[in-house]
Amino acid sequence: MNMNQVTLPVKNMTESTNFYRRLGFLLIVDTPHYARFSCPDDGASFSLALTQENFNNGAIIYFEHQGLDAWVTELIGLGVQFEELPTNKSYLWREATLLDPSGNKIKLYWAGENRLYPPWRIT
């Protein structure tokens, strides 16, 4: 089994599509109500669905990048604003936090082997 994708609700498709393209994701489906992106490194994908309704999305989407600090610096240079810059976490990940234009929470992180093999992994 493998997860196909996560779909995030958005309020403005053009603004959201431009935001995720600025982060470096590859737009592979583009309609007025739905967009799908491919991650540049491994082909994983996620999508956006336009909604006219108010929503309070408690989900958090995570994107891993080995060059986290350089990526964040590059994004800041492109005008992307962060809620939290890269910080070492107690769960052995380094991560930064930002919001997309619709308020969806995004974590950019690097965990390396600790993503799947933390010291507390069940064996």
PDB file of N, CA and C in Angstrom:
ATOM      1  N   MET A   1       0.845  -1.165   0.000  1.00  0.00           N
ATOM      2  CA  MET A   1       0.000   0.000   0.000  1.00  0.00           C
ATOM      3  C   MET A   1       0.893   1.233   0.000  1.00  0.00           C
ATOM      4  N   ASN A   2       0.413   2.304  -0.638  1.00  0.00           N
ATOM      5  CA  ASN A   2       1.128   3.565  -0.663  1.00  0.00           C
ATOM      6  C   ASN A   2       0.114   4.698  -0.718  1.00  0.00           C
ATOM      7  N   MET A   3       0.390   5.795  -0.050  1.00  0.00           N
ATOM      8  CA  MET A   3      -0.521   6.925  -0.094  1.00  0.00           C
ATOM      9  C   MET A   3      -0.387   7.637  -1.434  1.00  0.00           C
ATOM     10  N   ASN A   4      -1.506   7.971  -2.030  1.00  0.00           N
ATOM     11  CA  ASN A   4      -1.506   8.657  -3.316  1.00  0.00           C
ATOM     12  C   ASN A   4      -1.244  10.142  -3.153  1.00  0.00           C
ATOM     13  N   GLN A   5      -2.079  10.826  -2.375  1.00  0.00           N
ATOM     14  CA  GLN A   5      -1.923  12.267  -2.233  1.00  0.00           C
ATOM     15  C   GLN A   5      -2.745  12.784  -1.070  1.00  0.00           C
ATOM     16  N   VAL A   6      -2.520  14.037  -0.734  1.00  0.00           N
ATOM     17  CA  VAL A   6      -3.325  14.787   0.226  1.00  0.00           C
ATOM     18  C   VAL A   6      -3.907  15.958  -0.557  1.00  0.00           C
ATOM     19  N   THR A   7      -5.171  16.286  -0.320  1.00  0.00           N
ATOM     20  CA  THR A   7      -5.802  17.427  -0.982  1.00  0.00           C
ATOM     21  C   THR A   7      -6.127  18.485   0.055  1.00  0.00           C
ATOM     22  N   LEU A   8      -5.636  19.695  -0.189  1.00  0.00           N
ATOM     23  CA  LEU A   8      -5.868  20.816   0.711  1.00  0.00           C
ATOM     24  C   LEU A   8      -6.981  21.711   0.160  1.00  0.00           C
ATOM     25  N   PRO A   9      -7.867  22.202   1.017  1.00  0.00           N
ATOM     26  CA  PRO A   9      -8.861  23.168   0.564  1.00  0.00           C
ATOM     27  C   PRO A   9      -8.209  24.548   0.427  1.00  0.00           C
ATOM     28  N   VAL A  10      -8.606  25.289  -0.593  1.00  0.00           N
ATOM     29  CA  VAL A  10      -8.080  26.646  -0.789  1.00  0.00           C
ATOM     30  C   VAL A  10      -9.214  27.604  -1.147  1.00  0.00           C
ATOM     31  N   LYS A  11      -8.994  28.872  -0.851  1.00  0.00           N
ATOM     32  CA  LYS A  11     -10.001  29.899  -1.098  1.00  0.00           C
ATOM     33  C   LYS A  11      -9.811  30.592  -2.436  1.00  0.00           C
ATOM     34  N   ASN A  12      -8.575  30.650  -2.936  1.00  0.00           N
ATOM     35  CA  ASN A  12      -8.260  31.319  -4.191  1.00  0.00           C
ATOM     36  C   ASN A  12      -7.270  30.441  -4.946  1.00  0.00           C
ATOM     37  N   MET A  13      -7.725  29.817  -6.032  1.00  0.00           N
ATOM     38  CA  MET A  13      -6.889  28.842  -6.737  1.00  0.00           C
ATOM     39  C   MET A  13      -5.661  29.489  -7.375  1.00  0.00           C
ATOM     40  N   THR A  14      -5.815  30.633  -7.999  1.00  0.00           N
ATOM     41  CA  THR A  14      -4.671  31.280  -8.657  1.00  0.00           C
ATOM     42  C   THR A  14      -3.602  31.658  -7.640  1.00  0.00           C
ATOM     43  N   GLU A  15      -4.001  32.289  -6.557  1.00  0.00           N
ATOM     44  CA  GLU A  15      -3.059  32.695  -5.516  1.00  0.00           C
ATOM     45  C   GLU A  15      -2.365  31.475  -4.906  1.00  0.00           C
ATOM     46  N   SER A  16      -3.124  30.432  -4.638  1.00  0.00           N
ATOM     47  CA  SER A  16      -2.557  29.220  -4.030  1.00  0.00           C
ATOM     48  C   SER A  16      -1.633  28.489  -4.988  1.00  0.00           C
ATOM     49  N   THR A  17      -2.032  28.381  -6.240  1.00  0.00           N
ATOM     50  CA  THR A  17      -1.192  27.722  -7.248  1.00  0.00           C
ATOM     51  C   THR A  17       0.133  28.451  -7.389  1.00  0.00           C
ATOM     52  N   ASN A  18       0.089  29.765  -7.454  1.00  0.00           N
ATOM     53  CA  ASN A  18       1.329  30.550  -7.557  1.00  0.00           C
ATOM     54  C   ASN A  18       2.211  30.357  -6.335  1.00  0.00           C
ATOM     55  N   PHE A  19       1.612  30.281  -5.148  1.00  0.00           N
ATOM     56  CA  PHE A  19       2.364  30.076  -3.914  1.00  0.00           C
ATOM     57  C   PHE A  19       3.124  28.749  -3.942  1.00  0.00           C
ATOM     58  N   TYR A  20       2.449  27.662  -4.287  1.00  0.00           N
ATOM     59  CA  TYR A  20       3.106  26.356  -4.275  1.00  0.00           C
ATOM     60  C   TYR A  20       4.136  26.238  -5.397  1.00  0.00           C
ATOM     61  N   ARG A  21       3.919  26.905  -6.504  1.00  0.00           N
ATOM     62  CA  ARG A  21       4.937  26.925  -7.561  1.00  0.00           C
ATOM     63  C   ARG A  21       6.173  27.671  -7.071  1.00  0.00           C
ATOM     64  N   ARG A  22       5.987  28.749  -6.303  1.00  0.00           N
ATOM     65  CA  ARG A  22       7.109  29.504  -5.741  1.00  0.00           C
ATOM     66  C   ARG A  22       7.907  28.631  -4.777  1.00  0.00           C
ATOM     67  N   LEU A  23       7.231  27.706  -4.079  1.00  0.00           N
ATOM     68  CA  LEU A  23       7.950  26.798  -3.179  1.00  0.00           C
ATOM     69  C   LEU A  23       8.766  25.757  -3.948  1.00  0.00           C
ATOM     70  N   GLY A  24       8.509  25.601  -5.246  1.00  0.00           N
ATOM     71  CA  GLY A  24       9.297  24.691  -6.068  1.00  0.00           C
ATOM     72  C   GLY A  24       8.582  23.434  -6.508  1.00  0.00           C
ATOM     73  N   PHE A  25       7.282  23.334  -6.245  1.00  0.00           N
ATOM     74  CA  PHE A  25       6.531  22.155  -6.663  1.00  0.00           C
ATOM     75  C   PHE A  25       6.128  22.276  -8.127  1.00  0.00           C
ATOM     76  N   LEU A  26       5.977  21.134  -8.791  1.00  0.00           N
ATOM     77  CA  LEU A  26       5.689  21.095 -10.221  1.00  0.00           C
ATOM     78  C   LEU A  26       4.192  20.940 -10.447  1.00  0.00           C
ATOM     79  N   LEU A  27       3.586  21.919 -11.099  1.00  0.00           N
ATOM     80  CA  LEU A  27       2.160  21.890 -11.387  1.00  0.00           C
ATOM     81  C   LEU A  27       1.907  20.898 -12.509  1.00  0.00           C
ATOM     82  N   ILE A  28       1.077  19.875 -12.253  1.00  0.00           N
ATOM     83  CA  ILE A  28       0.816  18.854 -13.281  1.00  0.00           C
ATOM     84  C   ILE A  28      -0.646  18.807 -13.714  1.00  0.00           C
ATOM     85  N   VAL A  29      -1.561  19.391 -12.938  1.00  0.00           N
ATOM     86  CA  VAL A  29      -2.969  19.533 -13.328  1.00  0.00           C
ATOM     87  C   VAL A  29      -3.392  20.928 -12.905  1.00  0.00           C
ATOM     88  N   ASP A  30      -4.030  21.666 -13.821  1.00  0.00           N
ATOM     89  CA  ASP A  30      -4.406  23.047 -13.530  1.00  0.00           C
ATOM     90  C   ASP A  30      -5.792  23.324 -14.091  1.00  0.00           C
ATOM     91  N   THR A  31      -6.783  23.387 -13.214  1.00  0.00           N
ATOM     92  CA  THR A  31      -8.141  23.754 -13.612  1.00  0.00           C
ATOM     93  C   THR A  31      -8.601  24.877 -12.688  1.00  0.00           C
ATOM     94  N   PRO A  32      -9.701  25.530 -12.986  1.00  0.00           N
ATOM     95  CA  PRO A  32     -10.173  26.604 -12.103  1.00  0.00           C
ATOM     96  C   PRO A  32     -10.554  26.134 -10.694  1.00  0.00           C
ATOM     97  N   HIS A  33     -10.853  24.843 -10.520  1.00  0.00           N
ATOM     98  CA  HIS A  33     -11.314  24.334  -9.228  1.00  0.00           C
ATOM     99  C   HIS A  33     -10.396  23.285  -8.594  1.00  0.00           C
ATOM    100  N   TYR A  34      -9.364  22.857  -9.317  1.00  0.00           N
ATOM    101  CA  TYR A  34      -8.497  21.780  -8.823  1.00  0.00           C
ATOM    102  C   TYR A  34      -7.107  21.933  -9.436  1.00  0.00           C
ATOM    103  N   ALA A  35      -6.075  21.751  -8.600  1.00  0.00           N
ATOM    104  CA  ALA A  35      -4.696  21.742  -9.085  1.00  0.00           C
ATOM    105  C   ALA A  35      -3.963  20.604  -8.403  1.00  0.00           C
ATOM    106  N   ARG A  36      -3.041  20.013  -9.138  1.00  0.00           N
ATOM    107  CA  ARG A  36      -2.245  18.931  -8.561  1.00  0.00           C
ATOM    108  C   ARG A  36      -0.779  19.214  -8.825  1.00  0.00           C
ATOM    109  N   PHE A  37       0.050  18.905  -7.825  1.00  0.00           N
ATOM    110  CA  PHE A  37       1.475  19.157  -7.897  1.00  0.00           C
ATOM    111  C   PHE A  37       2.245  17.870  -7.676  1.00  0.00           C
ATOM    112  N   SER A  38       3.418  17.814  -8.291  1.00  0.00           N
ATOM    113  CA  SER A  38       4.355  16.729  -8.066  1.00  0.00           C
ATOM    114  C   SER A  38       5.537  17.298  -7.292  1.00  0.00           C
ATOM    115  N   CYS A  39       6.015  16.543  -6.323  1.00  0.00           N
ATOM    116  CA  CYS A  39       7.223  16.947  -5.602  1.00  0.00           C
ATOM    117  C   CYS A  39       8.418  16.689  -6.506  1.00  0.00           C
ATOM    118  N   PRO A  40       9.367  17.603  -6.584  1.00  0.00           N
ATOM    119  CA  PRO A  40      10.441  17.472  -7.563  1.00  0.00           C
ATOM    120  C   PRO A  40      11.384  16.298  -7.348  1.00  0.00           C
ATOM    121  N   ASP A  41      11.526  15.800  -6.134  1.00  0.00           N
ATOM    122  CA  ASP A  41      12.536  14.773  -5.884  1.00  0.00           C
ATOM    123  C   ASP A  41      12.063  13.346  -6.096  1.00  0.00           C
ATOM    124  N   ASP A  42      10.850  13.026  -5.675  1.00  0.00           N
ATOM    125  CA  ASP A  42      10.477  11.620  -5.709  1.00  0.00           C
ATOM    126  C   ASP A  42       9.140  11.316  -6.358  1.00  0.00           C
ATOM    127  N   GLY A  43       8.477  12.309  -6.927  1.00  0.00           N
ATOM    128  CA  GLY A  43       7.233  12.037  -7.615  1.00  0.00           C
ATOM    129  C   GLY A  43       5.998  11.961  -6.736  1.00  0.00           C
ATOM    130  N   ALA A  44       6.143  12.128  -5.417  1.00  0.00           N
ATOM    131  CA  ALA A  44       4.953  12.190  -4.572  1.00  0.00           C
ATOM    132  C   ALA A  44       4.122  13.385  -5.013  1.00  0.00           C
ATOM    133  N   SER A  45       2.824  13.346  -4.748  1.00  0.00           N
ATOM    134  CA  SER A  45       1.980  14.445  -5.198  1.00  0.00           C
ATOM    135  C   SER A  45       1.011  14.890  -4.112  1.00  0.00           C
ATOM    136  N   PHE A  46       0.483  16.081  -4.306  1.00  0.00           N
ATOM    137  CA  PHE A  46      -0.586  16.617  -3.469  1.00  0.00           C
ATOM    138  C   PHE A  46      -1.426  17.518  -4.345  1.00  0.00           C
ATOM    139  N   SER A  47      -2.615  17.856  -3.872  1.00  0.00           N
ATOM    140  CA  SER A  47      -3.507  18.659  -4.697  1.00  0.00           C
ATOM    141  C   SER A  47      -4.200  19.735  -3.879  1.00  0.00           C
ATOM    142  N   LEU A  48      -4.820  20.656  -4.605  1.00  0.00           N
ATOM    143  CA  LEU A  48      -5.593  21.747  -4.034  1.00  0.00           C
ATOM    144  C   LEU A  48      -6.996  21.679  -4.613  1.00  0.00           C
ATOM    145  N   ALA A  49      -7.994  21.898  -3.794  1.00  0.00           N
ATOM    146  CA  ALA A  49      -9.382  21.925  -4.254  1.00  0.00           C
ATOM    147  C   ALA A  49     -10.013  23.238  -3.813  1.00  0.00           C
ATOM    148  N   LEU A  50     -10.587  23.950  -4.747  1.00  0.00           N
ATOM    149  CA  LEU A  50     -11.225  25.225  -4.454  1.00  0.00           C
ATOM    150  C   LEU A  50     -12.492  25.009  -3.644  1.00  0.00           C
ATOM    151  N   THR A  51     -12.638  25.794  -2.581  1.00  0.00           N
ATOM    152  CA  THR A  51     -13.849  25.733  -1.788  1.00  0.00           C
ATOM    153  C   THR A  51     -14.357  27.141  -1.561  1.00  0.00           C
ATOM    154  N   GLN A  52     -15.655  27.317  -1.627  1.00  0.00           N
ATOM    155  CA  GLN A  52     -16.267  28.614  -1.358  1.00  0.00           C
ATOM    156  C   GLN A  52     -16.737  28.701   0.089  1.00  0.00           C
ATOM    157  N   GLU A  53     -16.673  27.593   0.785  1.00  0.00           N
ATOM    158  CA  GLU A  53     -17.151  27.543   2.157  1.00  0.00           C
ATOM    159  C   GLU A  53     -16.031  27.889   3.118  1.00  0.00           C
ATOM    160  N   ASN A  54     -16.408  28.406   4.285  1.00  0.00           N
ATOM    161  CA  ASN A  54     -15.419  28.638   5.329  1.00  0.00           C
ATOM    162  C   ASN A  54     -14.940  27.293   5.846  1.00  0.00           C
ATOM    163  N   PHE A  55     -13.673  27.197   6.121  1.00  0.00           N
ATOM    164  CA  PHE A  55     -13.145  25.959   6.663  1.00  0.00           C
ATOM    165  C   PHE A  55     -12.092  26.285   7.698  1.00  0.00           C
ATOM    166  N   ASN A  56     -11.924  25.387   8.620  1.00  0.00           N
ATOM    167  CA  ASN A  56     -10.894  25.489   9.641  1.00  0.00           C
ATOM    168  C   ASN A  56     -10.111  24.193   9.579  1.00  0.00           C
ATOM    169  N   ASN A  57      -9.109  24.190   8.739  1.00  0.00           N
ATOM    170  CA  ASN A  57      -8.346  22.987   8.478  1.00  0.00           C
ATOM    171  C   ASN A  57      -7.278  22.805   9.546  1.00  0.00           C
ATOM    172  N   GLY A  58      -7.408  21.776  10.349  1.00  0.00           N
ATOM    173  CA  GLY A  58      -6.424  21.493  11.385  1.00  0.00           C
ATOM    174  C   GLY A  58      -5.285  20.606  10.904  1.00  0.00           C
ATOM    175  N   ALA A  59      -5.338  20.197   9.644  1.00  0.00           N
ATOM    176  CA  ALA A  59      -4.290  19.330   9.106  1.00  0.00           C
ATOM    177  C   ALA A  59      -2.998  20.118   8.905  1.00  0.00           C
ATOM    178  N   ILE A  60      -1.883  19.399   8.939  1.00  0.00           N
ATOM    179  CA  ILE A  60      -0.567  19.978   8.667  1.00  0.00           C
ATOM    180  C   ILE A  60       0.072  19.111   7.592  1.00  0.00           C
ATOM    181  N   ILE A  61       0.594  19.751   6.543  1.00  0.00           N
ATOM    182  CA  ILE A  61       1.269  19.004   5.492  1.00  0.00           C
ATOM    183  C   ILE A  61       2.776  19.220   5.650  1.00  0.00           C
ATOM    184  N   TYR A  62       3.535  18.134   5.543  1.00  0.00           N
ATOM    185  CA  TYR A  62       4.982  18.158   5.746  1.00  0.00           C
ATOM    186  C   TYR A  62       5.692  17.882   4.427  1.00  0.00           C
ATOM    187  N   PHE A  63       6.726  18.681   4.145  1.00  0.00           N
ATOM    188  CA  PHE A  63       7.577  18.465   2.983  1.00  0.00           C
ATOM    189  C   PHE A  63       9.018  18.401   3.466  1.00  0.00           C
ATOM    190  N   GLU A  64       9.681  17.273   3.172  1.00  0.00           N
ATOM    191  CA  GLU A  64      11.052  17.057   3.642  1.00  0.00           C
ATOM    192  C   GLU A  64      12.059  17.477   2.573  1.00  0.00           C
ATOM    193  N   HIS A  65      13.140  18.119   3.020  1.00  0.00           N
ATOM    194  CA  HIS A  65      14.202  18.564   2.108  1.00  0.00           C
ATOM    195  C   HIS A  65      15.519  18.536   2.868  1.00  0.00           C
ATOM    196  N   GLN A  66      16.494  17.826   2.316  1.00  0.00           N
ATOM    197  CA  GLN A  66      17.777  17.687   2.995  1.00  0.00           C
ATOM    198  C   GLN A  66      18.455  19.042   3.188  1.00  0.00           C
ATOM    199  N   GLY A  67      18.298  19.938   2.243  1.00  0.00           N
ATOM    200  CA  GLY A  67      18.899  21.271   2.333  1.00  0.00           C
ATOM    201  C   GLY A  67      17.924  22.284   2.915  1.00  0.00           C
ATOM    202  N   LEU A  68      17.282  21.927   4.024  1.00  0.00           N
ATOM    203  CA  LEU A  68      16.221  22.746   4.615  1.00  0.00           C
ATOM    204  C   LEU A  68      16.626  24.207   4.797  1.00  0.00           C
ATOM    205  N   ASP A  69      17.734  24.467   5.458  1.00  0.00           N
ATOM    206  CA  ASP A  69      18.107  25.846   5.767  1.00  0.00           C
ATOM    207  C   ASP A  69      18.330  26.670   4.496  1.00  0.00           C
ATOM    208  N   ALA A  70      19.001  26.096   3.514  1.00  0.00           N
ATOM    209  CA  ALA A  70      19.225  26.812   2.253  1.00  0.00           C
ATOM    210  C   ALA A  70      17.900  27.038   1.531  1.00  0.00           C
ATOM    211  N   TRP A  71      17.002  26.051   1.572  1.00  0.00           N
ATOM    212  CA  TRP A  71      15.690  26.185   0.934  1.00  0.00           C
ATOM    213  C   TRP A  71      14.906  27.323   1.580  1.00  0.00           C
ATOM    214  N   VAL A  72      14.889  27.366   2.901  1.00  0.00           N
ATOM    215  CA  VAL A  72      14.165  28.425   3.613  1.00  0.00           C
ATOM    216  C   VAL A  72      14.766  29.790   3.265  1.00  0.00           C
ATOM    217  N   THR A  73      16.080  29.896   3.235  1.00  0.00           N
ATOM    218  CA  THR A  73      16.731  31.154   2.875  1.00  0.00           C
ATOM    219  C   THR A  73      16.323  31.581   1.469  1.00  0.00           C
ATOM    220  N   GLU A  74      16.296  30.635   0.542  1.00  0.00           N
ATOM    221  CA  GLU A  74      15.873  30.922  -0.836  1.00  0.00           C
ATOM    222  C   GLU A  74      14.423  31.409  -0.869  1.00  0.00           C
ATOM    223  N   LEU A  75      13.551  30.741  -0.118  1.00  0.00           N
ATOM    224  CA  LEU A  75      12.140  31.123  -0.106  1.00  0.00           C
ATOM    225  C   LEU A  75      11.935  32.501   0.520  1.00  0.00           C
ATOM    226  N   ILE A  76      12.665  32.813   1.563  1.00  0.00           N
ATOM    227  CA  ILE A  76      12.577  34.152   2.157  1.00  0.00           C
ATOM    228  C   ILE A  76      12.961  35.203   1.119  1.00  0.00           C
ATOM    229  N   GLY A  77      13.982  34.904   0.317  1.00  0.00           N
ATOM    230  CA  GLY A  77      14.389  35.804  -0.763  1.00  0.00           C
ATOM    231  C   GLY A  77      13.318  35.991  -1.816  1.00  0.00           C
ATOM    232  N   LEU A  78      12.413  35.010  -1.928  1.00  0.00           N
ATOM    233  CA  LEU A  78      11.299  35.105  -2.879  1.00  0.00           C
ATOM    234  C   LEU A  78      10.062  35.740  -2.238  1.00  0.00           C
ATOM    235  N   GLY A  79      10.191  36.166  -0.994  1.00  0.00           N
ATOM    236  CA  GLY A  79       9.083  36.835  -0.325  1.00  0.00           C
ATOM    237  C   GLY A  79       8.178  35.939   0.496  1.00  0.00           C
ATOM    238  N   VAL A  80       8.532  34.679   0.658  1.00  0.00           N
ATOM    239  CA  VAL A  80       7.717  33.766   1.471  1.00  0.00           C
ATOM    240  C   VAL A  80       7.950  34.100   2.945  1.00  0.00           C
ATOM    241  N   GLN A  81       6.854  34.207   3.693  1.00  0.00           N
ATOM    242  CA  GLN A  81       6.941  34.531   5.114  1.00  0.00           C
ATOM    243  C   GLN A  81       6.757  33.270   5.951  1.00  0.00           C
ATOM    244  N   PHE A  82       7.527  33.171   7.030  1.00  0.00           N
ATOM    245  CA  PHE A  82       7.500  32.004   7.907  1.00  0.00           C
ATOM    246  C   PHE A  82       6.970  32.384   9.281  1.00  0.00           C
ATOM    247  N   GLU A  83       6.232  31.461   9.891  1.00  0.00           N
ATOM    248  CA  GLU A  83       5.831  31.614  11.286  1.00  0.00           C
ATOM    249  C   GLU A  83       6.977  31.232  12.211  1.00  0.00           C
ATOM    250  N   GLU A  84       7.771  30.246  11.790  1.00  0.00           N
ATOM    251  CA  GLU A  84       8.925  29.798  12.560  1.00  0.00           C
ATOM    252  C   GLU A  84      10.024  29.397  11.597  1.00  0.00           C
ATOM    253  N   LEU A  85      11.215  29.924  11.804  1.00  0.00           N
ATOM    254  CA  LEU A  85      12.370  29.556  10.984  1.00  0.00           C
ATOM    255  C   LEU A  85      12.884  28.192  11.421  1.00  0.00           C
ATOM    256  N   PRO A  86      13.778  27.559  10.652  1.00  0.00           N
ATOM    257  CA  PRO A  86      14.256  26.225  11.010  1.00  0.00           C
ATOM    258  C   PRO A  86      14.768  26.150  12.444  1.00  0.00           C
ATOM    259  N   THR A  87      14.230  25.168  13.157  1.00  0.00           N
ATOM    260  CA  THR A  87      14.536  24.967  14.568  1.00  0.00           C
ATOM    261  C   THR A  87      14.693  23.475  14.833  1.00  0.00           C
ATOM    262  N   ASN A  88      15.674  23.113  15.643  1.00  0.00           N
ATOM    263  CA  ASN A  88      15.834  21.715  16.046  1.00  0.00           C
ATOM    264  C   ASN A  88      14.739  21.366  17.046  1.00  0.00           C
ATOM    265  N   LYS A  89      14.048  20.260  16.815  1.00  0.00           N
ATOM    266  CA  LYS A  89      12.935  19.841  17.667  1.00  0.00           C
ATOM    267  C   LYS A  89      13.343  18.657  18.534  1.00  0.00           C
ATOM    268  N   SER A  90      12.621  18.462  19.623  1.00  0.00           N
ATOM    269  CA  SER A  90      12.933  17.382  20.560  1.00  0.00           C
ATOM    270  C   SER A  90      12.736  16.008  19.927  1.00  0.00           C
ATOM    271  N   TYR A  91      11.939  15.921  18.873  1.00  0.00           N
ATOM    272  CA  TYR A  91      11.702  14.642  18.206  1.00  0.00           C
ATOM    273  C   TYR A  91      12.704  14.398  17.081  1.00  0.00           C
ATOM    274  N   LEU A  92      13.835  15.131  17.124  1.00  0.00           N
ATOM    275  CA  LEU A  92      15.008  14.919  16.275  1.00  0.00           C
ATOM    276  C   LEU A  92      14.801  15.327  14.822  1.00  0.00           C
ATOM    277  N   TRP A  93      13.873  16.239  14.587  1.00  0.00           N
ATOM    278  CA  TRP A  93      13.692  16.827  13.262  1.00  0.00           C
ATOM    279  C   TRP A  93      14.094  18.287  13.347  1.00  0.00           C
ATOM    280  N   ARG A  94      14.491  18.838  12.242  1.00  0.00           N
ATOM    281  CA  ARG A  94      14.689  20.285  12.113  1.00  0.00           C
ATOM    282  C   ARG A  94      13.579  20.756  11.193  1.00  0.00           C
ATOM    283  N   GLU A  95      12.803  21.740  11.649  1.00  0.00           N
ATOM    284  CA  GLU A  95      11.663  22.153  10.836  1.00  0.00           C
ATOM    285  C   GLU A  95      11.368  23.637  10.936  1.00  0.00           C
ATOM    286  N   ALA A  96      10.702  24.129   9.877  1.00  0.00           N
ATOM    287  CA  ALA A  96      10.226  25.506   9.787  1.00  0.00           C
ATOM    288  C   ALA A  96       8.731  25.445   9.511  1.00  0.00           C
ATOM    289  N   THR A  97       8.004  26.485   9.924  1.00  0.00           N
ATOM    290  CA  THR A  97       6.551  26.506   9.772  1.00  0.00           C
ATOM    291  C   THR A  97       6.117  27.744   9.002  1.00  0.00           C
ATOM    292  N   LEU A  98       5.159  27.548   8.101  1.00  0.00           N
ATOM    293  CA  LEU A  98       4.562  28.649   7.357  1.00  0.00           C
ATOM    294  C   LEU A  98       3.112  28.305   7.047  1.00  0.00           C
ATOM    295  N   LEU A  99       2.381  29.291   6.569  1.00  0.00           N
ATOM    296  CA  LEU A  99       0.992  29.104   6.158  1.00  0.00           C
ATOM    297  C   LEU A  99       0.867  29.414   4.683  1.00  0.00           C
ATOM    298  N   ASP A 100       0.007  28.659   3.978  1.00  0.00           N
ATOM    299  CA  ASP A 100      -0.258  29.009   2.594  1.00  0.00           C
ATOM    300  C   ASP A 100      -1.290  30.143   2.569  1.00  0.00           C
ATOM    301  N   PRO A 101      -1.615  30.701   1.407  1.00  0.00           N
ATOM    302  CA  PRO A 101      -2.542  31.830   1.349  1.00  0.00           C
ATOM    303  C   PRO A 101      -3.929  31.544   1.920  1.00  0.00           C
ATOM    304  N   SER A 102      -4.327  30.285   2.015  1.00  0.00           N
ATOM    305  CA  SER A 102      -5.632  29.926   2.577  1.00  0.00           C
ATOM    306  C   SER A 102      -5.556  29.585   4.060  1.00  0.00           C
ATOM    307  N   GLY A 103      -4.363  29.655   4.637  1.00  0.00           N
ATOM    308  CA  GLY A 103      -4.194  29.371   6.057  1.00  0.00           C
ATOM    309  C   GLY A 103      -3.859  27.932   6.385  1.00  0.00           C
ATOM    310  N   ASN A 104      -3.608  27.087   5.373  1.00  0.00           N
ATOM    311  CA  ASN A 104      -3.179  25.712   5.624  1.00  0.00           C
ATOM    312  C   ASN A 104      -1.764  25.724   6.180  1.00  0.00           C
ATOM    313  N   LYS A 105      -1.533  24.973   7.254  1.00  0.00           N
ATOM    314  CA  LYS A 105      -0.216  24.937   7.895  1.00  0.00           C
ATOM    315  C   LYS A 105       0.709  23.992   7.140  1.00  0.00           C
ATOM    316  N   ILE A 106       1.936  24.460   6.916  1.00  0.00           N
ATOM    317  CA  ILE A 106       2.961  23.701   6.204  1.00  0.00           C
ATOM    318  C   ILE A 106       4.192  23.617   7.090  1.00  0.00           C
ATOM    319  N   LYS A 107       4.775  22.435   7.166  1.00  0.00           N
ATOM    320  CA  LYS A 107       6.051  22.240   7.855  1.00  0.00           C
ATOM    321  C   LYS A 107       7.065  21.806   6.799  1.00  0.00           C
ATOM    322  N   LEU A 108       8.133  22.563   6.694  1.00  0.00           N
ATOM    323  CA  LEU A 108       9.277  22.180   5.875  1.00  0.00           C
ATOM    324  C   LEU A 108      10.293  21.629   6.857  1.00  0.00           C
ATOM    325  N   TYR A 109      10.829  20.447   6.589  1.00  0.00           N
ATOM    326  CA  TYR A 109      11.675  19.821   7.608  1.00  0.00           C
ATOM    327  C   TYR A 109      12.743  18.937   6.986  1.00  0.00           C
ATOM    328  N   TRP A 110      13.678  18.550   7.833  1.00  0.00           N
ATOM    329  CA  TRP A 110      14.644  17.506   7.517  1.00  0.00           C
ATOM    330  C   TRP A 110      14.753  16.608   8.740  1.00  0.00           C
ATOM    331  N   ALA A 111      14.496  15.331   8.532  1.00  0.00           N
ATOM    332  CA  ALA A 111      14.590  14.362   9.620  1.00  0.00           C
ATOM    333  C   ALA A 111      15.617  13.283   9.335  1.00  0.00           C
ATOM    334  N   GLY A 112      15.981  13.120   8.092  1.00  0.00           N
ATOM    335  CA  GLY A 112      16.929  12.061   7.750  1.00  0.00           C
ATOM    336  C   GLY A 112      16.393  10.707   8.188  1.00  0.00           C
ATOM    337  N   GLU A 113      17.250   9.891   8.752  1.00  0.00           N
ATOM    338  CA  GLU A 113      16.834   8.553   9.185  1.00  0.00           C
ATOM    339  C   GLU A 113      15.822   8.585  10.318  1.00  0.00           C
ATOM    340  N   ASN A 114      15.769   9.675  11.060  1.00  0.00           N
ATOM    341  CA  ASN A 114      14.833   9.761  12.180  1.00  0.00           C
ATOM    342  C   ASN A 114      13.376   9.840  11.730  1.00  0.00           C
ATOM    343  N   ARG A 115      13.124  10.104  10.451  1.00  0.00           N
ATOM    344  CA  ARG A 115      11.751  10.136   9.968  1.00  0.00           C
ATOM    345  C   ARG A 115      11.111   8.762  10.119  1.00  0.00           C
ATOM    346  N   LEU A 116      11.800   7.727   9.695  1.00  0.00           N
ATOM    347  CA  LEU A 116      11.270   6.371   9.780  1.00  0.00           C
ATOM    348  C   LEU A 116      11.902   5.531  10.882  1.00  0.00           C
ATOM    349  N   TYR A 117      13.083   5.949  11.354  1.00  0.00           N
ATOM    350  CA  TYR A 117      13.809   5.148  12.340  1.00  0.00           C
ATOM    351  C   TYR A 117      14.257   5.978  13.537  1.00  0.00           C
ATOM    352  N   PRO A 118      13.319   6.602  14.241  1.00  0.00           N
ATOM    353  CA  PRO A 118      13.719   7.331  15.451  1.00  0.00           C
ATOM    354  C   PRO A 118      14.147   6.336  16.517  1.00  0.00           C
ATOM    355  N   PRO A 119      14.915   6.784  17.521  1.00  0.00           N
ATOM    356  CA  PRO A 119      15.365   5.875  18.576  1.00  0.00           C
ATOM    357  C   PRO A 119      14.203   5.177  19.304  1.00  0.00           C
ATOM    358  N   TRP A 120      13.026   5.747  19.312  1.00  0.00           N
ATOM    359  CA  TRP A 120      11.882   5.180  20.035  1.00  0.00           C
ATOM    360  C   TRP A 120      10.976   4.354  19.115  1.00  0.00           C
ATOM    361  N   ARG A 121      11.436   4.047  17.909  1.00  0.00           N
ATOM    362  CA  ARG A 121      10.630   3.238  16.988  1.00  0.00           C
ATOM    363  C   ARG A 121      10.310   1.871  17.589  1.00  0.00           C
ATOM    364  N   ILE A 122       9.097   1.430  17.346  1.00  0.00           N
ATOM    365  CA  ILE A 122       8.674   0.101  17.798  1.00  0.00           C
ATOM    366  C   ILE A 122       9.314  -0.946  16.903  1.00  0.00           C
ATOM    367  N   THR A 123       9.904  -1.959  17.510  1.00  0.00           N
ATOM    368  CA  THR A 123      10.552  -3.006  16.704  1.00  0.00           C
ATOM    369  C   THR A 123       9.809  -4.319  16.812  1.00  0.00           C
TER     370      THR A 123
END
